Amino acid sequence: QLAQALGDQDAQVWFQSITAIGKMGPAAIGAAKQ
């Protein structure tokens, strides 16, 4: 859902989603393409 939220038009949703993915570290490698 966080990877899909990277397509959100709202900058805050996008930024917090990418921040959440970044905080997961290597465990988030599956979302790398998005």
PDB file of all heavy atoms in Angstrom:
ATOM      1  N   GLN A   1       0.820  -1.201   0.000  1.00  0.00           N
ATOM      2  CA  GLN A   1       0.000   0.000   0.000  1.00  0.00           C
ATOM      3  C   GLN A   1       0.861   1.260   0.000  1.00  0.00           C
ATOM      4  O   GLN A   1       0.514   2.255  -0.635  1.00  0.00           O
ATOM      5  CB  GLN A   1      -0.943   0.005   1.207  1.00  0.00           C
ATOM      6  CG  GLN A   1      -2.006  -1.055   1.147  1.00  0.00           C
ATOM      7  CD  GLN A   1      -1.550  -2.407   1.699  1.00  0.00           C
ATOM      8  OE1 GLN A   1      -0.378  -2.634   1.986  1.00  0.00           O
ATOM      9  NE2 GLN A   1      -2.497  -3.322   1.840  1.00  0.00           N
ATOM     10  N   LEU A   2       1.978   1.218   0.699  1.00  0.00           N
ATOM     11  CA  LEU A   2       2.894   2.361   0.704  1.00  0.00           C
ATOM     12  C   LEU A   2       3.493   2.579  -0.681  1.00  0.00           C
ATOM     13  O   LEU A   2       3.633   3.713  -1.134  1.00  0.00           O
ATOM     14  CB  LEU A   2       4.006   2.164   1.741  1.00  0.00           C
ATOM     15  CG  LEU A   2       3.575   2.346   3.191  1.00  0.00           C
ATOM     16  CD1 LEU A   2       4.605   1.750   4.137  1.00  0.00           C
ATOM     17  CD2 LEU A   2       3.342   3.820   3.496  1.00  0.00           C
ATOM     18  N   ALA A   3       3.836   1.492  -1.359  1.00  0.00           N
ATOM     19  CA  ALA A   3       4.377   1.609  -2.711  1.00  0.00           C
ATOM     20  C   ALA A   3       3.325   2.202  -3.657  1.00  0.00           C
ATOM     21  O   ALA A   3       3.649   3.038  -4.505  1.00  0.00           O
ATOM     22  CB  ALA A   3       4.849   0.245  -3.212  1.00  0.00           C
ATOM     23  N   GLN A   4       2.072   1.805  -3.489  1.00  0.00           N
ATOM     24  CA  GLN A   4       1.009   2.364  -4.318  1.00  0.00           C
ATOM     25  C   GLN A   4       0.765   3.836  -3.981  1.00  0.00           C
ATOM     26  O   GLN A   4       0.433   4.635  -4.857  1.00  0.00           O
ATOM     27  CB  GLN A   4      -0.285   1.569  -4.131  1.00  0.00           C
ATOM     28  CG  GLN A   4      -0.212   0.182  -4.730  1.00  0.00           C
ATOM     29  CD  GLN A   4      -1.439  -0.655  -4.396  1.00  0.00           C
ATOM     30  OE1 GLN A   4      -2.328  -0.230  -3.680  1.00  0.00           O
ATOM     31  NE2 GLN A   4      -1.451  -1.882  -4.916  1.00  0.00           N
ATOM     32  N   ALA A   5       0.953   4.196  -2.712  1.00  0.00           N
ATOM     33  CA  ALA A   5       0.739   5.585  -2.288  1.00  0.00           C
ATOM     34  C   ALA A   5       1.785   6.529  -2.864  1.00  0.00           C
ATOM     35  O   ALA A   5       1.604   7.745  -2.838  1.00  0.00           O
ATOM     36  CB  ALA A   5       0.733   5.674  -0.762  1.00  0.00           C
ATOM     37  N   LEU A   6       2.852   5.985  -3.436  1.00  0.00           N
ATOM     38  CA  LEU A   6       3.851   6.835  -4.091  1.00  0.00           C
ATOM     39  C   LEU A   6       3.257   7.512  -5.326  1.00  0.00           C
ATOM     40  O   LEU A   6       3.805   8.487  -5.820  1.00  0.00           O
ATOM     41  CB  LEU A   6       5.091   6.022  -4.474  1.00  0.00           C
ATOM     42  CG  LEU A   6       5.895   5.465  -3.295  1.00  0.00           C
ATOM     43  CD1 LEU A   6       7.042   4.606  -3.810  1.00  0.00           C
ATOM     44  CD2 LEU A   6       6.400   6.571  -2.395  1.00  0.00           C
ATOM     45  N   GLY A   7       2.143   7.007  -5.800  1.00  0.00           N
ATOM     46  CA  GLY A   7       1.448   7.620  -6.928  1.00  0.00           C
ATOM     47  C   GLY A   7       0.418   8.662  -6.505  1.00  0.00           C
ATOM     48  O   GLY A   7      -0.254   9.249  -7.352  1.00  0.00           O
ATOM     49  N   ASP A   8       0.296   8.899  -5.206  1.00  0.00           N
ATOM     50  CA  ASP A   8      -0.672   9.878  -4.708  1.00  0.00           C
ATOM     51  C   ASP A   8      -0.283  11.277  -5.172  1.00  0.00           C
ATOM     52  O   ASP A   8       0.890  11.633  -5.217  1.00  0.00           O
ATOM     53  CB  ASP A   8      -0.711   9.832  -3.173  1.00  0.00           C
ATOM     54  CG  ASP A   8      -1.963  10.460  -2.596  1.00  0.00           C
ATOM     55  OD1 ASP A   8      -2.110  11.696  -2.666  1.00  0.00           O
ATOM     56  OD2 ASP A   8      -2.792   9.704  -2.079  1.00  0.00           O
ATOM     57  N   GLN A   9      -1.283  12.070  -5.532  1.00  0.00           N
ATOM     58  CA  GLN A   9      -1.045  13.432  -6.012  1.00  0.00           C
ATOM     59  C   GLN A   9      -0.644  14.391  -4.887  1.00  0.00           C
ATOM     60  O   GLN A   9      -0.083  15.451  -5.151  1.00  0.00           O
ATOM     61  CB  GLN A   9      -2.294  13.967  -6.724  1.00  0.00           C
ATOM     62  CG  GLN A   9      -2.629  13.204  -7.983  1.00  0.00           C
ATOM     63  CD  GLN A   9      -1.518  13.280  -9.016  1.00  0.00           C
ATOM     64  OE1 GLN A   9      -1.020  14.359  -9.307  1.00  0.00           O
ATOM     65  NE2 GLN A   9      -1.124  12.140  -9.554  1.00  0.00           N
ATOM     66  N   ASP A  10      -0.939  14.023  -3.646  1.00  0.00           N
ATOM     67  CA  ASP A  10      -0.614  14.893  -2.512  1.00  0.00           C
ATOM     68  C   ASP A  10       0.847  14.704  -2.100  1.00  0.00           C
ATOM     69  O   ASP A  10       1.302  13.581  -1.875  1.00  0.00           O
ATOM     70  CB  ASP A  10      -1.527  14.579  -1.327  1.00  0.00           C
ATOM     71  CG  ASP A  10      -1.298  15.521  -0.166  1.00  0.00           C
ATOM     72  OD1 ASP A  10      -1.613  16.719  -0.309  1.00  0.00           O
ATOM     73  OD2 ASP A  10      -0.775  15.061   0.870  1.00  0.00           O
ATOM     74  N   ALA A  11       1.566  15.794  -2.003  1.00  0.00           N
ATOM     75  CA  ALA A  11       2.991  15.750  -1.678  1.00  0.00           C
ATOM     76  C   ALA A  11       3.259  15.185  -0.287  1.00  0.00           C
ATOM     77  O   ALA A  11       4.252  14.478  -0.085  1.00  0.00           O
ATOM     78  CB  ALA A  11       3.610  17.143  -1.803  1.00  0.00           C
ATOM     79  N   GLN A  12       2.381  15.461   0.669  1.00  0.00           N
ATOM     80  CA  GLN A  12       2.597  14.962   2.027  1.00  0.00           C
ATOM     81  C   GLN A  12       2.423  13.453   2.098  1.00  0.00           C
ATOM     82  O   GLN A  12       3.196  12.766   2.774  1.00  0.00           O
ATOM     83  CB  GLN A  12       1.646  15.660   3.002  1.00  0.00           C
ATOM     84  CG  GLN A  12       1.985  17.122   3.214  1.00  0.00           C
ATOM     85  CD  GLN A  12       1.043  17.780   4.197  1.00  0.00           C
ATOM     86  OE1 GLN A  12       0.577  17.143   5.138  1.00  0.00           O
ATOM     87  NE2 GLN A  12       0.747  19.045   3.978  1.00  0.00           N
ATOM     88  N   VAL A  13       1.410  12.946   1.412  1.00  0.00           N
ATOM     89  CA  VAL A  13       1.200  11.497   1.391  1.00  0.00           C
ATOM     90  C   VAL A  13       2.394  10.829   0.716  1.00  0.00           C
ATOM     91  O   VAL A  13       2.923   9.831   1.209  1.00  0.00           O
ATOM     92  CB  VAL A  13      -0.121  11.131   0.668  1.00  0.00           C
ATOM     93  CG1 VAL A  13      -0.249   9.624   0.503  1.00  0.00           C
ATOM     94  CG2 VAL A  13      -1.307  11.701   1.429  1.00  0.00           C
ATOM     95  N   TRP A  14       2.822  11.389  -0.411  1.00  0.00           N
ATOM     96  CA  TRP A  14       3.973  10.831  -1.128  1.00  0.00           C
ATOM     97  C   TRP A  14       5.213  10.839  -0.242  1.00  0.00           C
ATOM     98  O   TRP A  14       5.902   9.830  -0.108  1.00  0.00           O
ATOM     99  CB  TRP A  14       4.245  11.630  -2.401  1.00  0.00           C
ATOM    100  CG  TRP A  14       5.459  11.148  -3.125  1.00  0.00           C
ATOM    101  CD1 TRP A  14       5.510  10.150  -4.042  1.00  0.00           C
ATOM    102  CD2 TRP A  14       6.805  11.611  -2.971  1.00  0.00           C
ATOM    103  NE1 TRP A  14       6.801   9.965  -4.481  1.00  0.00           N
ATOM    104  CE2 TRP A  14       7.618  10.854  -3.817  1.00  0.00           C
ATOM    105  CE3 TRP A  14       7.398  12.596  -2.189  1.00  0.00           C
ATOM    106  CZ2 TRP A  14       8.990  11.046  -3.917  1.00  0.00           C
ATOM    107  CZ3 TRP A  14       8.769  12.781  -2.275  1.00  0.00           C
ATOM    108  CH2 TRP A  14       9.544  12.011  -3.137  1.00  0.00           C
ATOM    109  N   PHE A  15       5.507  11.977   0.378  1.00  0.00           N
ATOM    110  CA  PHE A  15       6.722  12.105   1.183  1.00  0.00           C
ATOM    111  C   PHE A  15       6.714  11.160   2.379  1.00  0.00           C
ATOM    112  O   PHE A  15       7.718  10.493   2.656  1.00  0.00           O
ATOM    113  CB  PHE A  15       6.899  13.553   1.664  1.00  0.00           C
ATOM    114  CG  PHE A  15       8.149  13.738   2.474  1.00  0.00           C
ATOM    115  CD1 PHE A  15       9.376  13.852   1.854  1.00  0.00           C
ATOM    116  CD2 PHE A  15       8.102  13.772   3.857  1.00  0.00           C
ATOM    117  CE1 PHE A  15      10.538  14.000   2.594  1.00  0.00           C
ATOM    118  CE2 PHE A  15       9.256  13.921   4.605  1.00  0.00           C
ATOM    119  CZ  PHE A  15      10.480  14.041   3.976  1.00  0.00           C
ATOM    120  N   GLN A  16       5.606  11.088   3.079  1.00  0.00           N
ATOM    121  CA  GLN A  16       5.543  10.205   4.249  1.00  0.00           C
ATOM    122  C   GLN A  16       5.584   8.735   3.834  1.00  0.00           C
ATOM    123  O   GLN A  16       6.149   7.906   4.545  1.00  0.00           O
ATOM    124  CB  GLN A  16       4.298  10.507   5.089  1.00  0.00           C
ATOM    125  CG  GLN A  16       4.336  11.861   5.754  1.00  0.00           C
ATOM    126  CD  GLN A  16       5.554  12.053   6.639  1.00  0.00           C
ATOM    127  OE1 GLN A  16       6.012  11.145   7.325  1.00  0.00           O
ATOM    128  NE2 GLN A  16       6.096  13.260   6.635  1.00  0.00           N
ATOM    129  N   SER A  17       5.031   8.424   2.681  1.00  0.00           N
ATOM    130  CA  SER A  17       5.079   7.041   2.193  1.00  0.00           C
ATOM    131  C   SER A  17       6.509   6.637   1.847  1.00  0.00           C
ATOM    132  O   SER A  17       6.962   5.550   2.202  1.00  0.00           O
ATOM    133  CB  SER A  17       4.171   6.867   0.972  1.00  0.00           C
ATOM    134  OG  SER A  17       2.835   7.108   1.323  1.00  0.00           O
ATOM    135  N   ILE A  18       7.219   7.522   1.187  1.00  0.00           N
ATOM    136  CA  ILE A  18       8.602   7.185   0.838  1.00  0.00           C
ATOM    137  C   ILE A  18       9.490   7.174   2.080  1.00  0.00           C
ATOM    138  O   ILE A  18      10.428   6.383   2.184  1.00  0.00           O
ATOM    139  CB  ILE A  18       9.155   8.107  -0.270  1.00  0.00           C
ATOM    140  CG1 ILE A  18      10.354   7.427  -0.938  1.00  0.00           C
ATOM    141  CG2 ILE A  18       9.568   9.450   0.242  1.00  0.00           C
ATOM    142  CD1 ILE A  18      10.417   7.612  -2.399  1.00  0.00           C
ATOM    143  N   THR A  19       9.150   8.006   3.050  1.00  0.00           N
ATOM    144  CA  THR A  19       9.869   7.999   4.325  1.00  0.00           C
ATOM    145  C   THR A  19       9.642   6.674   5.046  1.00  0.00           C
ATOM    146  O   THR A  19      10.581   6.076   5.581  1.00  0.00           O
ATOM    147  CB  THR A  19       9.422   9.177   5.206  1.00  0.00           C
ATOM    148  OG1 THR A  19       9.708  10.398   4.522  1.00  0.00           O
ATOM    149  CG2 THR A  19      10.122   9.167   6.548  1.00  0.00           C
ATOM    150  N   ALA A  20       8.388   6.210   5.058  1.00  0.00           N
ATOM    151  CA  ALA A  20       8.074   4.932   5.705  1.00  0.00           C
ATOM    152  C   ALA A  20       8.839   3.790   5.051  1.00  0.00           C
ATOM    153  O   ALA A  20       9.414   2.936   5.733  1.00  0.00           O
ATOM    154  CB  ALA A  20       6.568   4.672   5.641  1.00  0.00           C
ATOM    155  N   ILE A  21       8.884   3.789   3.731  1.00  0.00           N
ATOM    156  CA  ILE A  21       9.611   2.741   3.010  1.00  0.00           C
ATOM    157  C   ILE A  21      11.104   2.826   3.326  1.00  0.00           C
ATOM    158  O   ILE A  21      11.755   1.815   3.571  1.00  0.00           O
ATOM    159  CB  ILE A  21       9.348   2.837   1.495  1.00  0.00           C
ATOM    160  CG1 ILE A  21       7.885   2.486   1.206  1.00  0.00           C
ATOM    161  CG2 ILE A  21      10.285   1.933   0.709  1.00  0.00           C
ATOM    162  CD1 ILE A  21       7.442   2.779  -0.207  1.00  0.00           C
ATOM    163  N   GLY A  22      11.637   4.031   3.360  1.00  0.00           N
ATOM    164  CA  GLY A  22      13.055   4.212   3.677  1.00  0.00           C
ATOM    165  C   GLY A  22      13.413   3.735   5.066  1.00  0.00           C
ATOM    166  O   GLY A  22      14.485   3.172   5.296  1.00  0.00           O
ATOM    167  N   LYS A  23      12.519   3.925   6.028  1.00  0.00           N
ATOM    168  CA  LYS A  23      12.785   3.509   7.409  1.00  0.00           C
ATOM    169  C   LYS A  23      12.760   1.998   7.576  1.00  0.00           C
ATOM    170  O   LYS A  23      13.227   1.481   8.575  1.00  0.00           O
ATOM    171  CB  LYS A  23      11.773   4.151   8.358  1.00  0.00           C
ATOM    172  CG  LYS A  23      12.022   5.620   8.597  1.00  0.00           C
ATOM    173  CD  LYS A  23      11.027   6.166   9.610  1.00  0.00           C
ATOM    174  CE  LYS A  23      11.316   7.600   9.961  1.00  0.00           C
ATOM    175  NZ  LYS A  23      10.356   8.108  10.967  1.00  0.00           N
ATOM    176  N   MET A  24      12.218   1.290   6.586  1.00  0.00           N
ATOM    177  CA  MET A  24      12.187  -0.172   6.655  1.00  0.00           C
ATOM    178  C   MET A  24      13.540  -0.778   6.310  1.00  0.00           C
ATOM    179  O   MET A  24      13.810  -1.920   6.627  1.00  0.00           O
ATOM    180  CB  MET A  24      11.120  -0.722   5.713  1.00  0.00           C
ATOM    181  CG  MET A  24       9.739  -0.423   6.153  1.00  0.00           C
ATOM    182  SD  MET A  24       8.574  -1.046   4.934  1.00  0.00           S
ATOM    183  CE  MET A  24       7.160  -0.053   5.333  1.00  0.00           C
ATOM    184  N   GLY A  25      14.359  -0.010   5.627  1.00  0.00           N
ATOM    185  CA  GLY A  25      15.685  -0.484   5.274  1.00  0.00           C
ATOM    186  C   GLY A  25      15.636  -1.596   4.242  1.00  0.00           C
ATOM    187  O   GLY A  25      14.750  -1.631   3.387  1.00  0.00           O
ATOM    188  N   PRO A  26      16.576  -2.535   4.330  1.00  0.00           N
ATOM    189  CA  PRO A  26      16.676  -3.602   3.329  1.00  0.00           C
ATOM    190  C   PRO A  26      15.428  -4.474   3.213  1.00  0.00           C
ATOM    191  O   PRO A  26      15.199  -5.093   2.183  1.00  0.00           O
ATOM    192  CB  PRO A  26      17.859  -4.448   3.818  1.00  0.00           C
ATOM    193  CG  PRO A  26      18.633  -3.551   4.705  1.00  0.00           C
ATOM    194  CD  PRO A  26      17.652  -2.591   5.305  1.00  0.00           C
ATOM    195  N   ALA A  27      14.601  -4.494   4.235  1.00  0.00           N
ATOM    196  CA  ALA A  27      13.382  -5.300   4.186  1.00  0.00           C
ATOM    197  C   ALA A  27      12.415  -4.793   3.119  1.00  0.00           C
ATOM    198  O   ALA A  27      11.540  -5.525   2.667  1.00  0.00           O
ATOM    199  CB  ALA A  27      12.696  -5.299   5.550  1.00  0.00           C
ATOM    200  N   ALA A  28      12.589  -3.556   2.687  1.00  0.00           N
ATOM    201  CA  ALA A  28      11.683  -2.946   1.704  1.00  0.00           C
ATOM    202  C   ALA A  28      12.183  -3.092   0.278  1.00  0.00           C
ATOM    203  O   ALA A  28      11.705  -2.405  -0.616  1.00  0.00           O
ATOM    204  CB  ALA A  28      11.475  -1.478   2.047  1.00  0.00           C
ATOM    205  N   ILE A  29      13.095  -3.990   0.041  1.00  0.00           N
ATOM    206  CA  ILE A  29      13.695  -4.131  -1.285  1.00  0.00           C
ATOM    207  C   ILE A  29      12.631  -4.466  -2.345  1.00  0.00           C
ATOM    208  O   ILE A  29      12.778  -4.085  -3.505  1.00  0.00           O
ATOM    209  CB  ILE A  29      14.823  -5.180  -1.282  1.00  0.00           C
ATOM    210  CG1 ILE A  29      15.678  -5.063  -2.525  1.00  0.00           C
ATOM    211  CG2 ILE A  29      14.272  -6.589  -1.146  1.00  0.00           C
ATOM    212  CD1 ILE A  29      16.534  -3.846  -2.565  1.00  0.00           C
ATOM    213  N   GLY A  30      11.543  -5.084  -1.941  1.00  0.00           N
ATOM    214  CA  GLY A  30      10.478  -5.435  -2.876  1.00  0.00           C
ATOM    215  C   GLY A  30       9.799  -4.216  -3.490  1.00  0.00           C
ATOM    216  O   GLY A  30       9.204  -4.296  -4.556  1.00  0.00           O
ATOM    217  N   ALA A  31       9.905  -3.075  -2.834  1.00  0.00           N
ATOM    218  CA  ALA A  31       9.277  -1.852  -3.339  1.00  0.00           C
ATOM    219  C   ALA A  31      10.252  -0.991  -4.117  1.00  0.00           C
ATOM    220  O   ALA A  31       9.926   0.114  -4.515  1.00  0.00           O
ATOM    221  CB  ALA A  31       8.704  -1.057  -2.174  1.00  0.00           C
ATOM    222  N   ALA A  32      11.424  -1.515  -4.380  1.00  0.00           N
ATOM    223  CA  ALA A  32      12.469  -0.729  -5.037  1.00  0.00           C
ATOM    224  C   ALA A  32      12.046  -0.190  -6.402  1.00  0.00           C
ATOM    225  O   ALA A  32      12.336   0.957  -6.735  1.00  0.00           O
ATOM    226  CB  ALA A  32      13.751  -1.548  -5.166  1.00  0.00           C
ATOM    227  N   LYS A  33      11.351  -0.995  -7.195  1.00  0.00           N
ATOM    228  CA  LYS A  33      10.923  -0.561  -8.532  1.00  0.00           C
ATOM    229  C   LYS A  33       9.982   0.641  -8.437  1.00  0.00           C
ATOM    230  O   LYS A  33      10.114   1.596  -9.197  1.00  0.00           O
ATOM    231  CB  LYS A  33      10.244  -1.697  -9.283  1.00  0.00           C
ATOM    232  CG  LYS A  33      11.204  -2.765  -9.738  1.00  0.00           C
ATOM    233  CD  LYS A  33      10.481  -3.844 -10.507  1.00  0.00           C
ATOM    234  CE  LYS A  33      11.451  -4.939 -10.895  1.00  0.00           C
ATOM    235  NZ  LYS A  33      10.770  -6.052 -11.569  1.00  0.00           N
ATOM    236  N   GLN A  34       9.029   0.584  -7.506  1.00  0.00           N
ATOM    237  CA  GLN A  34       8.096   1.695  -7.366  1.00  0.00           C
ATOM    238  C   GLN A  34       8.806   2.956  -6.851  1.00  0.00           C
ATOM    239  O   GLN A  34       8.488   4.053  -7.277  1.00  0.00           O
ATOM    240  CB  GLN A  34       6.955   1.332  -6.390  1.00  0.00           C
ATOM    241  CG  GLN A  34       6.002   0.305  -6.942  1.00  0.00           C
ATOM    242  CD  GLN A  34       6.366  -1.104  -6.511  1.00  0.00           C
ATOM    243  OE1 GLN A  34       7.520  -1.436  -6.263  1.00  0.00           O
ATOM    244  NE2 GLN A  34       5.365  -1.966  -6.424  1.00  0.00           N
TER     245      GLN A  34
END
